[in-house]
C-alpha atoms as a PDB file:
ATOM      1  CA  MET A   1      10.437  19.798  28.744  1.00  0.00           C
ATOM      2  CA  LYS A   2      12.775  17.267  30.303  1.00  0.00           C
ATOM      3  CA  GLU A   3      15.020  15.346  27.910  1.00  0.00           C
ATOM      4  CA  LEU A   4      15.289  11.603  28.299  1.00  0.00           C
ATOM      5  CA  GLU A   5      18.653  10.314  29.440  1.00  0.00           C
ATOM      6  CA  ASN A   6      18.343   7.354  27.102  1.00  0.00           C
ATOM      7  CA  PRO A   7      16.052   8.413  24.261  1.00  0.00           C
ATOM      8  CA  VAL A   8      13.979   5.672  22.686  1.00  0.00           C
ATOM      9  CA  PHE A   9      14.012   5.320  18.921  1.00  0.00           C
ATOM     10  CA  ILE A  10      11.476   3.299  16.986  1.00  0.00           C
ATOM     11  CA  ASP A  11      12.904   1.340  14.056  1.00  0.00           C
ATOM     12  CA  PRO A  12      10.086   1.132  11.474  1.00  0.00           C
ATOM     13  CA  THR A  13      11.953  -1.591   9.571  1.00  0.00           C
ATOM     14  CA  THR A  14      11.273  -4.125  12.322  1.00  0.00           C
ATOM     15  CA  ASP A  15       7.896  -5.819  12.695  1.00  0.00           C
ATOM     16  CA  GLU A  16       7.467  -4.355  16.169  1.00  0.00           C
ATOM     17  CA  GLY A  17       8.445  -0.825  15.113  1.00  0.00           C
ATOM     18  CA  PHE A  18       6.286  -0.949  11.984  1.00  0.00           C
ATOM     19  CA  LYS A  19       3.256  -2.097  13.988  1.00  0.00           C
ATOM     20  CA  TRP A  20       3.894   0.443  16.742  1.00  0.00           C
ATOM     21  CA  LEU A  21       4.097   3.357  14.288  1.00  0.00           C
ATOM     22  CA  PHE A  22       1.410   2.388  11.795  1.00  0.00           C
ATOM     23  CA  GLY A  23      -0.859   0.503  14.179  1.00  0.00           C
ATOM     24  CA  ASP A  24      -1.767   3.915  15.592  1.00  0.00           C
ATOM     25  CA  LYS A  25      -4.577   5.340  13.453  1.00  0.00           C
ATOM     26  CA  ILE A  26      -3.561   9.006  13.886  1.00  0.00           C
ATOM     27  CA  ASN A  27       0.075   8.259  12.966  1.00  0.00           C
ATOM     28  CA  LEU A  28      -1.018   6.336   9.883  1.00  0.00           C
ATOM     29  CA  ILE A  29      -3.484   9.002   8.710  1.00  0.00           C
ATOM     30  CA  ASN A  30      -0.818  11.703   9.096  1.00  0.00           C
ATOM     31  CA  PHE A  31       1.753   9.585   7.250  1.00  0.00           C
ATOM     32  CA  LEU A  32      -0.628   8.824   4.365  1.00  0.00           C
ATOM     33  CA  ASN A  33      -1.654  12.466   4.008  1.00  0.00           C
ATOM     34  CA  ILE A  34       2.021  13.419   3.696  1.00  0.00           C
ATOM     35  CA  ILE A  35       2.595  10.697   1.086  1.00  0.00           C
ATOM     36  CA  PHE A  36      -0.475  11.746  -0.940  1.00  0.00           C
ATOM     37  CA  ARG A  37       0.668  15.406  -0.898  1.00  0.00           C
ATOM     38  CA  SER A  38      -2.902  16.784  -0.686  1.00  0.00           C
ATOM     39  CA  LEU A  39      -3.973  14.875  -3.818  1.00  0.00           C
ATOM     40  CA  LYS A  40      -6.029  12.727  -1.446  1.00  0.00           C
ATOM     41  CA  VAL A  41      -6.994  13.777   2.049  1.00  0.00           C
ATOM     42  CA  ILE A  42      -7.652  10.953   4.455  1.00  0.00           C
ATOM     43  CA  VAL A  43      -9.777  11.790   7.475  1.00  0.00           C
ATOM     44  CA  ASP A  44     -10.552   8.284   8.687  1.00  0.00           C
ATOM     45  CA  LEU A  45      -9.622   4.699   7.917  1.00  0.00           C
ATOM     46  CA  THR A  46     -10.320   1.153   8.962  1.00  0.00           C
ATOM     47  CA  TYR A  47      -7.702  -1.553   9.368  1.00  0.00           C
ATOM     48  CA  ARG A  48      -8.468  -4.586   7.182  1.00  0.00           C
ATOM     49  CA  ASP A  49      -7.452  -8.226   7.181  1.00  0.00           C
ATOM     50  CA  THR A  50      -3.937  -8.551   5.770  1.00  0.00           C
ATOM     51  CA  GLU A  51      -4.454 -12.033   4.340  1.00  0.00           C
ATOM     52  CA  ARG A  52      -5.978 -12.706   0.918  1.00  0.00           C
ATOM     53  CA  VAL A  53      -6.502 -16.369   0.077  1.00  0.00           C
ATOM     54  CA  GLY A  54      -5.671 -17.525  -3.453  1.00  0.00           C
ATOM     55  CA  ALA A  55      -8.533 -18.401  -5.809  1.00  0.00           C
ATOM     56  CA  ALA A  56      -7.296 -21.996  -6.050  1.00  0.00           C
ATOM     57  CA  GLU A  57      -5.135 -24.236  -3.892  1.00  0.00           C
ATOM     58  CA  ASP A  58      -2.155 -23.872  -6.243  1.00  0.00           C
ATOM     59  CA  ILE A  59      -2.354 -20.052  -6.073  1.00  0.00           C
ATOM     60  CA  GLY A  60      -0.676 -18.912  -2.904  1.00  0.00           C
ATOM     61  CA  THR A  61      -2.151 -16.761  -0.211  1.00  0.00           C
ATOM     62  CA  VAL A  62      -1.053 -13.122  -0.200  1.00  0.00           C
ATOM     63  CA  ILE A  63      -0.172 -11.538   3.136  1.00  0.00           C
ATOM     64  CA  PHE A  64       0.284  -7.769   3.267  1.00  0.00           C
ATOM     65  CA  ASP A  65       2.223  -5.995   6.005  1.00  0.00           C
ATOM     66  CA  LEU A  66      -0.698  -3.608   6.443  1.00  0.00           C
ATOM     67  CA  MET A  67      -4.033  -3.101   4.685  1.00  0.00           C
ATOM     68  CA  VAL A  68      -6.473  -0.256   5.313  1.00  0.00           C
ATOM     69  CA  GLU A  69      -9.598   1.168   3.725  1.00  0.00           C
ATOM     70  CA  THR A  70     -10.316   4.893   3.858  1.00  0.00           C
ATOM     71  CA  SER A  71     -13.704   6.310   4.778  1.00  0.00           C
ATOM     72  CA  THR A  72     -14.252   6.995   1.051  1.00  0.00           C
ATOM     73  CA  GLY A  73     -13.538   3.394  -0.007  1.00  0.00           C
ATOM     74  CA  GLN A  74      -9.944   3.608  -1.218  1.00  0.00           C
ATOM     75  CA  GLU A  75      -7.854   0.553  -0.389  1.00  0.00           C
ATOM     76  CA  ILE A  76      -4.241   1.073   0.682  1.00  0.00           C
ATOM     77  CA  ILE A  77      -1.592  -1.637   0.964  1.00  0.00           C
ATOM     78  CA  ILE A  78       1.547  -0.723   2.899  1.00  0.00           C
ATOM     79  CA  GLU A  79       4.640  -2.895   2.629  1.00  0.00           C
ATOM     80  CA  MET A  80       8.042  -2.631   4.296  1.00  0.00           C
ATOM     81  CA  GLN A  81      10.958  -4.060   2.313  1.00  0.00           C
ATOM     82  CA  THR A  82      14.354  -4.357   3.952  1.00  0.00           C
ATOM     83  CA  SER A  83      16.063  -6.356   1.224  1.00  0.00           C
ATOM     84  CA  ARG A  84      16.175  -6.270  -2.546  1.00  0.00           C
ATOM     85  CA  HIS A  85      13.739  -8.388  -4.518  1.00  0.00           C
ATOM     86  CA  SER A  86      14.212  -8.792  -8.266  1.00  0.00           C
ATOM     87  CA  ASN A  87      10.456  -9.166  -8.725  1.00  0.00           C
ATOM     88  CA  LEU A  88       9.362  -6.370  -6.366  1.00  0.00           C
ATOM     89  CA  LYS A  89       7.470  -4.320  -8.976  1.00  0.00           C
ATOM     90  CA  LYS A  90       5.611  -7.344 -10.340  1.00  0.00           C
ATOM     91  CA  ARG A  91       4.774  -8.531  -6.846  1.00  0.00           C
ATOM     92  CA  MET A  92       3.358  -5.131  -5.855  1.00  0.00           C
ATOM     93  CA  LEU A  93       1.288  -5.027  -9.055  1.00  0.00           C
ATOM     94  CA  TYR A  94       0.003  -8.517  -8.236  1.00  0.00           C
ATOM     95  CA  TYR A  95      -0.887  -7.442  -4.694  1.00  0.00           C
ATOM     96  CA  ALA A  96      -2.917  -4.474  -5.963  1.00  0.00           C
ATOM     97  CA  SER A  97      -4.554  -6.669  -8.622  1.00  0.00           C
ATOM     98  CA  LYS A  98      -5.537  -9.166  -5.941  1.00  0.00           C
ATOM     99  CA  VAL A  99      -7.318  -6.458  -3.944  1.00  0.00           C
ATOM    100  CA  ILE A 100      -9.130  -5.256  -7.077  1.00  0.00           C
ATOM    101  CA  SER A 101     -10.174  -8.742  -8.211  1.00  0.00           C
ATOM    102  CA  ASP A 102     -11.443  -9.610  -4.730  1.00  0.00           C
ATOM    103  CA  LYS A 103     -13.941  -6.732  -5.055  1.00  0.00           C
ATOM    104  CA  ALA A 104     -15.754  -8.447  -7.947  1.00  0.00           C
ATOM    105  CA  PRO A 105     -19.109  -9.836  -6.848  1.00  0.00           C
ATOM    106  CA  HIS A 106     -19.676 -13.571  -7.004  1.00  0.00           C
ATOM    107  CA  GLY A 107     -22.499 -14.787  -9.207  1.00  0.00           C
ATOM    108  CA  ASP A 108     -24.582 -12.267 -11.166  1.00  0.00           C
ATOM    109  CA  ARG A 109     -22.316  -9.371 -12.188  1.00  0.00           C
ATOM    110  CA  ARG A 110     -24.727  -7.495 -14.467  1.00  0.00           C
ATOM    111  CA  GLY A 111     -25.354  -4.636 -12.035  1.00  0.00           C
ATOM    112  CA  TRP A 112     -21.733  -4.319 -10.998  1.00  0.00           C
ATOM    113  CA  ALA A 113     -20.492  -2.406 -14.090  1.00  0.00           C
ATOM    114  CA  TYR A 114     -16.862  -3.044 -13.069  1.00  0.00           C
ATOM    115  CA  SER A 115     -17.008  -0.463 -10.317  1.00  0.00           C
ATOM    116  CA  LEU A 116     -13.344  -0.704  -9.338  1.00  0.00           C
ATOM    117  CA  PRO A 117     -12.013   0.714  -6.087  1.00  0.00           C
ATOM    118  CA  GLU A 118      -8.995   2.982  -6.000  1.00  0.00           C
ATOM    119  CA  VAL A 119      -6.122   0.824  -4.770  1.00  0.00           C
ATOM    120  CA  TYR A 120      -2.808   2.243  -3.654  1.00  0.00           C
ATOM    121  CA  THR A 121       0.334   0.314  -2.818  1.00  0.00           C
ATOM    122  CA  ILE A 122       2.920   2.075  -0.706  1.00  0.00           C
ATOM    123  CA  VAL A 123       6.272   0.339  -0.391  1.00  0.00           C
ATOM    124  CA  LEU A 124       8.777   1.584   2.154  1.00  0.00           C
ATOM    125  CA  MET A 125      12.238   0.423   1.099  1.00  0.00           C
ATOM    126  CA  ASP A 126      15.159   0.453   3.499  1.00  0.00           C
ATOM    127  CA  GLY A 127      18.639   0.809   2.041  1.00  0.00           C
ATOM    128  CA  PHE A 128      17.939   0.357  -1.661  1.00  0.00           C
ATOM    129  CA  HIS A 129      16.180   2.079  -4.540  1.00  0.00           C
ATOM    130  CA  MET A 130      13.428   0.994  -6.896  1.00  0.00           C
ATOM    131  CA  PRO A 131      14.627  -2.107  -8.787  1.00  0.00           C
ATOM    132  CA  ASP A 132      15.497  -1.617 -12.467  1.00  0.00           C
ATOM    133  CA  SER A 133      15.346   2.155 -12.125  1.00  0.00           C
ATOM    134  CA  SER A 134      18.103   4.683 -12.665  1.00  0.00           C
ATOM    135  CA  SER A 135      16.170   7.217 -10.579  1.00  0.00           C
ATOM    136  CA  ARG A 136      17.425   7.884  -7.084  1.00  0.00           C
ATOM    137  CA  ASP A 137      14.261   9.744  -6.095  1.00  0.00           C
ATOM    138  CA  HIS A 138      12.850   8.823  -2.722  1.00  0.00           C
ATOM    139  CA  LEU A 139       9.223   8.965  -3.858  1.00  0.00           C
ATOM    140  CA  HIS A 140       7.888   7.312  -7.006  1.00  0.00           C
ATOM    141  CA  ASP A 141       4.284   8.099  -7.938  1.00  0.00           C
ATOM    142  CA  ILE A 142       3.378   5.335 -10.377  1.00  0.00           C
ATOM    143  CA  CYS A 143       0.005   4.749 -12.010  1.00  0.00           C
ATOM    144  CA  LEU A 144      -1.614   3.303 -15.114  1.00  0.00           C
ATOM    145  CA  CYS A 145      -1.695   6.164 -17.586  1.00  0.00           C
ATOM    146  CA  ASN A 146      -1.584   7.078 -21.255  1.00  0.00           C
ATOM    147  CA  ARG A 147       2.099   7.400 -22.173  1.00  0.00           C
ATOM    148  CA  ASP A 148       1.459  10.182 -24.680  1.00  0.00           C
ATOM    149  CA  SER A 149      -0.862  12.433 -22.705  1.00  0.00           C
ATOM    150  CA  GLY A 150      -0.030  11.394 -19.152  1.00  0.00           C
ATOM    151  CA  GLU A 151      -3.768  11.061 -18.522  1.00  0.00           C
ATOM    152  CA  ILE A 152      -4.609   8.525 -15.826  1.00  0.00           C
ATOM    153  CA  PHE A 153      -6.163   5.415 -17.390  1.00  0.00           C
ATOM    154  CA  CYS A 154      -8.965   4.667 -14.891  1.00  0.00           C
END
């Protein structure tokens, strides 16, 4: 194999690099399967609209960097953060909540039974760690769970 004289590197922290890497379905599926560490196995996905309009005019529109739905109905938000945000955790929780609440049917909800989708938010952070955390781990697996038993809530 011939080596390139001037190798090309893709910077995933730029809009162009992020879209080039994760706009390719195979790259994204492989990346997500590594992140989920065999707890979930993704075989196919569909890219979704990244804009979610607020319920009222005074509630702002949410725009995700990337939004996909797996072939089994799980929703995955992927965000790239290159600077610190004091409200990052709350914002990511809001983003996931927005996806969940948008799944509620309009009108008659009797047959719905609160059938909530699995929603995952993956945040890639460049150059800083999770805000308000003493942990320097590179991967944080966070979920709603019972503090005493560790059992996942939903």
